[in-house]
Amino acid sequence: MIIWINGAFGSGKTTVAEILHSKIENSYLYDPENIGDFLRHNLPQEIQKADFQEYSE
């Protein structure tokens, strides 16, 4: 099962995700910010986007 939480900045998505993660046994919390950090540190400067959310899926 995948639970995808979407919403505006500051609406509590991370808080809800952390609560669910603590209550669902053997769950994994995936944070797309980690992928953004990876892209920022590993892509050549000339093809990097200003915001990781600008990359297409």
PDB file of N, CA and C in Angstrom:
ATOM      1  N   MET A   1       0.846  -1.158   0.000  1.00  0.00           N
ATOM      2  CA  MET A   1       0.000   0.000   0.000  1.00  0.00           C
ATOM      3  C   MET A   1       0.897   1.227   0.000  1.00  0.00           C
ATOM      4  N   ILE A   2       0.532   2.222  -0.785  1.00  0.00           N
ATOM      5  CA  ILE A   2       1.216   3.513  -0.789  1.00  0.00           C
ATOM      6  C   ILE A   2       0.207   4.570  -0.367  1.00  0.00           C
ATOM      7  N   ILE A   3       0.585   5.368   0.606  1.00  0.00           N
ATOM      8  CA  ILE A   3      -0.246   6.500   1.018  1.00  0.00           C
ATOM      9  C   ILE A   3       0.471   7.759   0.575  1.00  0.00           C
ATOM     10  N   TRP A   4      -0.128   8.491  -0.333  1.00  0.00           N
ATOM     11  CA  TRP A   4       0.461   9.699  -0.884  1.00  0.00           C
ATOM     12  C   TRP A   4      -0.246  10.882  -0.253  1.00  0.00           C
ATOM     13  N   ILE A   5       0.505  11.745   0.425  1.00  0.00           N
ATOM     14  CA  ILE A   5      -0.072  12.907   1.091  1.00  0.00           C
ATOM     15  C   ILE A   5       0.350  14.155   0.327  1.00  0.00           C
ATOM     16  N   ASN A   6      -0.625  14.912  -0.110  1.00  0.00           N
ATOM     17  CA  ASN A   6      -0.365  16.115  -0.890  1.00  0.00           C
ATOM     18  C   ASN A   6      -1.096  17.282  -0.244  1.00  0.00           C
ATOM     19  N   GLY A   7      -0.548  18.464  -0.377  1.00  0.00           N
ATOM     20  CA  GLY A   7      -1.200  19.641   0.184  1.00  0.00           C
ATOM     21  C   GLY A   7      -0.292  20.846   0.159  1.00  0.00           C
ATOM     22  N   ALA A   8      -0.812  21.945   0.632  1.00  0.00           N
ATOM     23  CA  ALA A   8      -0.087  23.219   0.627  1.00  0.00           C
ATOM     24  C   ALA A   8       1.065  23.196   1.629  1.00  0.00           C
ATOM     25  N   PHE A   9       2.032  24.083   1.410  1.00  0.00           N
ATOM     26  CA  PHE A   9       3.137  24.244   2.348  1.00  0.00           C
ATOM     27  C   PHE A   9       2.586  24.586   3.722  1.00  0.00           C
ATOM     28  N   GLY A  10       3.118  23.928   4.741  1.00  0.00           N
ATOM     29  CA  GLY A  10       2.729  24.241   6.106  1.00  0.00           C
ATOM     30  C   GLY A  10       1.394  23.683   6.556  1.00  0.00           C
ATOM     31  N   SER A  11       0.822  22.777   5.772  1.00  0.00           N
ATOM     32  CA  SER A  11      -0.505  22.255   6.124  1.00  0.00           C
ATOM     33  C   SER A  11      -0.463  21.030   7.044  1.00  0.00           C
ATOM     34  N   GLY A  12       0.738  20.531   7.338  1.00  0.00           N
ATOM     35  CA  GLY A  12       0.861  19.398   8.261  1.00  0.00           C
ATOM     36  C   GLY A  12       1.105  18.056   7.606  1.00  0.00           C
ATOM     37  N   LYS A  13       1.504  18.041   6.337  1.00  0.00           N
ATOM     38  CA  LYS A  13       1.734  16.772   5.629  1.00  0.00           C
ATOM     39  C   LYS A  13       2.797  15.927   6.325  1.00  0.00           C
ATOM     40  N   THR A  14       3.904  16.548   6.677  1.00  0.00           N
ATOM     41  CA  THR A  14       4.991  15.814   7.316  1.00  0.00           C
ATOM     42  C   THR A  14       4.559  15.288   8.676  1.00  0.00           C
ATOM     43  N   THR A  15       3.847  16.086   9.422  1.00  0.00           N
ATOM     44  CA  THR A  15       3.370  15.661  10.738  1.00  0.00           C
ATOM     45  C   THR A  15       2.451  14.452  10.611  1.00  0.00           C
ATOM     46  N   VAL A  16       1.512  14.504   9.690  1.00  0.00           N
ATOM     47  CA  VAL A  16       0.596  13.380   9.474  1.00  0.00           C
ATOM     48  C   VAL A  16       1.374  12.142   9.021  1.00  0.00           C
ATOM     49  N   ALA A  17       2.329  12.334   8.110  1.00  0.00           N
ATOM     50  CA  ALA A  17       3.129  11.207   7.624  1.00  0.00           C
ATOM     51  C   ALA A  17       3.906  10.555   8.761  1.00  0.00           C
ATOM     52  N   GLU A  18       4.484  11.369   9.634  1.00  0.00           N
ATOM     53  CA  GLU A  18       5.249  10.822  10.760  1.00  0.00           C
ATOM     54  C   GLU A  18       4.349  10.071  11.739  1.00  0.00           C
ATOM     55  N   ILE A  19       3.141  10.571  11.966  1.00  0.00           N
ATOM     56  CA  ILE A  19       2.197   9.876  12.844  1.00  0.00           C
ATOM     57  C   ILE A  19       1.794   8.524  12.234  1.00  0.00           C
ATOM     58  N   LEU A  20       1.463   8.535  10.944  1.00  0.00           N
ATOM     59  CA  LEU A  20       1.105   7.283  10.270  1.00  0.00           C
ATOM     60  C   LEU A  20       2.266   6.295  10.318  1.00  0.00           C
ATOM     61  N   HIS A  21       3.459   6.793  10.066  1.00  0.00           N
ATOM     62  CA  HIS A  21       4.650   5.937  10.066  1.00  0.00           C
ATOM     63  C   HIS A  21       4.843   5.278  11.435  1.00  0.00           C
ATOM     64  N   SER A  22       4.574   6.017  12.493  1.00  0.00           N
ATOM     65  CA  SER A  22       4.733   5.458  13.841  1.00  0.00           C
ATOM     66  C   SER A  22       3.659   4.421  14.167  1.00  0.00           C
ATOM     67  N   LYS A  23       2.537   4.470  13.477  1.00  0.00           N
ATOM     68  CA  LYS A  23       1.420   3.579  13.783  1.00  0.00           C
ATOM     69  C   LYS A  23       1.302   2.387  12.832  1.00  0.00           C
ATOM     70  N   ILE A  24       1.942   2.462  11.677  1.00  0.00           N
ATOM     71  CA  ILE A  24       1.859   1.373  10.698  1.00  0.00           C
ATOM     72  C   ILE A  24       3.158   0.559  10.759  1.00  0.00           C
ATOM     73  N   GLU A  25       3.038  -0.655  11.223  1.00  0.00           N
ATOM     74  CA  GLU A  25       4.193  -1.529  11.386  1.00  0.00           C
ATOM     75  C   GLU A  25       4.880  -1.791  10.051  1.00  0.00           C
ATOM     76  N   ASN A  26       6.205  -1.853  10.069  1.00  0.00           N
ATOM     77  CA  ASN A  26       7.033  -2.119   8.884  1.00  0.00           C
ATOM     78  C   ASN A  26       6.805  -1.113   7.760  1.00  0.00           C
ATOM     79  N   SER A  27       6.474   0.110   8.107  1.00  0.00           N
ATOM     80  CA  SER A  27       6.262   1.138   7.084  1.00  0.00           C
ATOM     81  C   SER A  27       7.561   1.879   6.800  1.00  0.00           C
ATOM     82  N   TYR A  28       7.577   2.580   5.695  1.00  0.00           N
ATOM     83  CA  TYR A  28       8.734   3.362   5.273  1.00  0.00           C
ATOM     84  C   TYR A  28       8.256   4.763   4.948  1.00  0.00           C
ATOM     85  N   LEU A  29       8.938   5.752   5.467  1.00  0.00           N
ATOM     86  CA  LEU A  29       8.590   7.146   5.206  1.00  0.00           C
ATOM     87  C   LEU A  29       9.517   7.675   4.131  1.00  0.00           C
ATOM     88  N   TYR A  30       8.953   8.019   2.986  1.00  0.00           N
ATOM     89  CA  TYR A  30       9.712   8.513   1.844  1.00  0.00           C
ATOM     90  C   TYR A  30       9.527  10.022   1.766  1.00  0.00           C
ATOM     91  N   ASP A  31      10.612  10.758   1.746  1.00  0.00           N
ATOM     92  CA  ASP A  31      10.557  12.212   1.664  1.00  0.00           C
ATOM     93  C   ASP A  31      11.182  12.661   0.345  1.00  0.00           C
ATOM     94  N   PRO A  32      10.396  13.231  -0.571  1.00  0.00           N
ATOM     95  CA  PRO A  32      10.936  13.639  -1.863  1.00  0.00           C
ATOM     96  C   PRO A  32      12.009  14.720  -1.761  1.00  0.00           C
ATOM     97  N   GLU A  33      12.085  15.414  -0.643  1.00  0.00           N
ATOM     98  CA  GLU A  33      13.147  16.412  -0.454  1.00  0.00           C
ATOM     99  C   GLU A  33      14.519  15.737  -0.525  1.00  0.00           C
ATOM    100  N   ASN A  34      14.589  14.473  -0.091  1.00  0.00           N
ATOM    101  CA  ASN A  34      15.869  13.754  -0.162  1.00  0.00           C
ATOM    102  C   ASN A  34      16.312  13.556  -1.606  1.00  0.00           C
ATOM    103  N   ILE A  35      15.360  13.282  -2.494  1.00  0.00           N
ATOM    104  CA  ILE A  35      15.684  13.145  -3.914  1.00  0.00           C
ATOM    105  C   ILE A  35      16.130  14.497  -4.473  1.00  0.00           C
ATOM    106  N   GLY A  36      15.461  15.571  -4.059  1.00  0.00           N
ATOM    107  CA  GLY A  36      15.862  16.912  -4.486  1.00  0.00           C
ATOM    108  C   GLY A  36      17.293  17.221  -4.081  1.00  0.00           C
ATOM    109  N   ASP A  37      17.656  16.870  -2.856  1.00  0.00           N
ATOM    110  CA  ASP A  37      19.032  17.070  -2.394  1.00  0.00           C
ATOM    111  C   ASP A  37      20.010  16.249  -3.225  1.00  0.00           C
ATOM    112  N   PHE A  38      19.634  15.005  -3.518  1.00  0.00           N
ATOM    113  CA  PHE A  38      20.489  14.151  -4.346  1.00  0.00           C
ATOM    114  C   PHE A  38      20.715  14.776  -5.717  1.00  0.00           C
ATOM    115  N   LEU A  39      19.629  15.231  -6.364  1.00  0.00           N
ATOM    116  CA  LEU A  39      19.757  15.835  -7.691  1.00  0.00           C
ATOM    117  C   LEU A  39      20.632  17.089  -7.646  1.00  0.00           C
ATOM    118  N   ARG A  40      20.439  17.909  -6.627  1.00  0.00           N
ATOM    119  CA  ARG A  40      21.213  19.149  -6.511  1.00  0.00           C
ATOM    120  C   ARG A  40      22.715  18.845  -6.381  1.00  0.00           C
ATOM    121  N   HIS A  41      23.062  17.749  -5.705  1.00  0.00           N
ATOM    122  CA  HIS A  41      24.470  17.439  -5.486  1.00  0.00           C
ATOM    123  C   HIS A  41      25.094  16.574  -6.578  1.00  0.00           C
ATOM    124  N   ASN A  42      24.291  15.987  -7.459  1.00  0.00           N
ATOM    125  CA  ASN A  42      24.839  15.037  -8.425  1.00  0.00           C
ATOM    126  C   ASN A  42      24.640  15.391  -9.888  1.00  0.00           C
ATOM    127  N   LEU A  43      23.723  16.291 -10.202  1.00  0.00           N
ATOM    128  CA  LEU A  43      23.544  16.686 -11.598  1.00  0.00           C
ATOM    129  C   LEU A  43      24.519  17.806 -11.957  1.00  0.00           C
ATOM    130  N   PRO A  44      24.978  17.829 -13.201  1.00  0.00           N
ATOM    131  CA  PRO A  44      25.826  18.948 -13.616  1.00  0.00           C
ATOM    132  C   PRO A  44      25.079  20.282 -13.450  1.00  0.00           C
ATOM    133  N   GLN A  45      25.784  21.303 -13.051  1.00  0.00           N
ATOM    134  CA  GLN A  45      25.207  22.617 -12.773  1.00  0.00           C
ATOM    135  C   GLN A  45      24.349  23.136 -13.939  1.00  0.00           C
ATOM    136  N   GLU A  46      24.806  22.915 -15.170  1.00  0.00           N
ATOM    137  CA  GLU A  46      24.113  23.478 -16.338  1.00  0.00           C
ATOM    138  C   GLU A  46      22.735  22.860 -16.610  1.00  0.00           C
ATOM    139  N   ILE A  47      22.427  21.709 -16.030  1.00  0.00           N
ATOM    140  CA  ILE A  47      21.095  21.130 -16.260  1.00  0.00           C
ATOM    141  C   ILE A  47      20.240  21.103 -14.995  1.00  0.00           C
ATOM    142  N   GLN A  48      20.744  21.664 -13.902  1.00  0.00           N
ATOM    143  CA  GLN A  48      19.972  21.693 -12.669  1.00  0.00           C
ATOM    144  C   GLN A  48      18.834  22.705 -12.764  1.00  0.00           C
ATOM    145  N   LYS A  49      17.729  22.382 -12.128  1.00  0.00           N
ATOM    146  CA  LYS A  49      16.578  23.278 -12.020  1.00  0.00           C
ATOM    147  C   LYS A  49      16.709  24.091 -10.738  1.00  0.00           C
ATOM    148  N   ALA A  50      16.044  25.236 -10.688  1.00  0.00           N
ATOM    149  CA  ALA A  50      16.088  26.095  -9.501  1.00  0.00           C
ATOM    150  C   ALA A  50      15.410  25.415  -8.309  1.00  0.00           C
ATOM    151  N   ASP A  51      14.382  24.610  -8.581  1.00  0.00           N
ATOM    152  CA  ASP A  51      13.627  23.927  -7.531  1.00  0.00           C
ATOM    153  C   ASP A  51      13.431  22.478  -7.962  1.00  0.00           C
ATOM    154  N   PHE A  52      13.693  21.525  -7.072  1.00  0.00           N
ATOM    155  CA  PHE A  52      13.586  20.114  -7.459  1.00  0.00           C
ATOM    156  C   PHE A  52      12.181  19.748  -7.921  1.00  0.00           C
ATOM    157  N   GLN A  53      11.179  20.516  -7.534  1.00  0.00           N
ATOM    158  CA  GLN A  53       9.811  20.215  -7.938  1.00  0.00           C
ATOM    159  C   GLN A  53       9.573  20.515  -9.418  1.00  0.00           C
ATOM    160  N   GLU A  54      10.534  21.163 -10.068  1.00  0.00           N
ATOM    161  CA  GLU A  54      10.415  21.484 -11.497  1.00  0.00           C
ATOM    162  C   GLU A  54      10.812  20.322 -12.385  1.00  0.00           C
ATOM    163  N   TYR A  55      11.429  19.278 -11.831  1.00  0.00           N
ATOM    164  CA  TYR A  55      11.806  18.111 -12.629  1.00  0.00           C
ATOM    165  C   TYR A  55      10.548  17.297 -12.934  1.00  0.00           C
ATOM    166  N   SER A  56      10.448  16.816 -14.165  1.00  0.00           N
ATOM    167  CA  SER A  56       9.303  15.965 -14.504  1.00  0.00           C
ATOM    168  C   SER A  56       9.493  14.597 -13.867  1.00  0.00           C
ATOM    169  N   GLU A  57       8.400  13.913 -13.638  1.00  0.00           N
ATOM    170  CA  GLU A  57       8.481  12.585 -13.022  1.00  0.00           C
ATOM    171  C   GLU A  57       9.154  11.640 -13.961  1.00  0.00           C
TER     172      GLU A  57
END
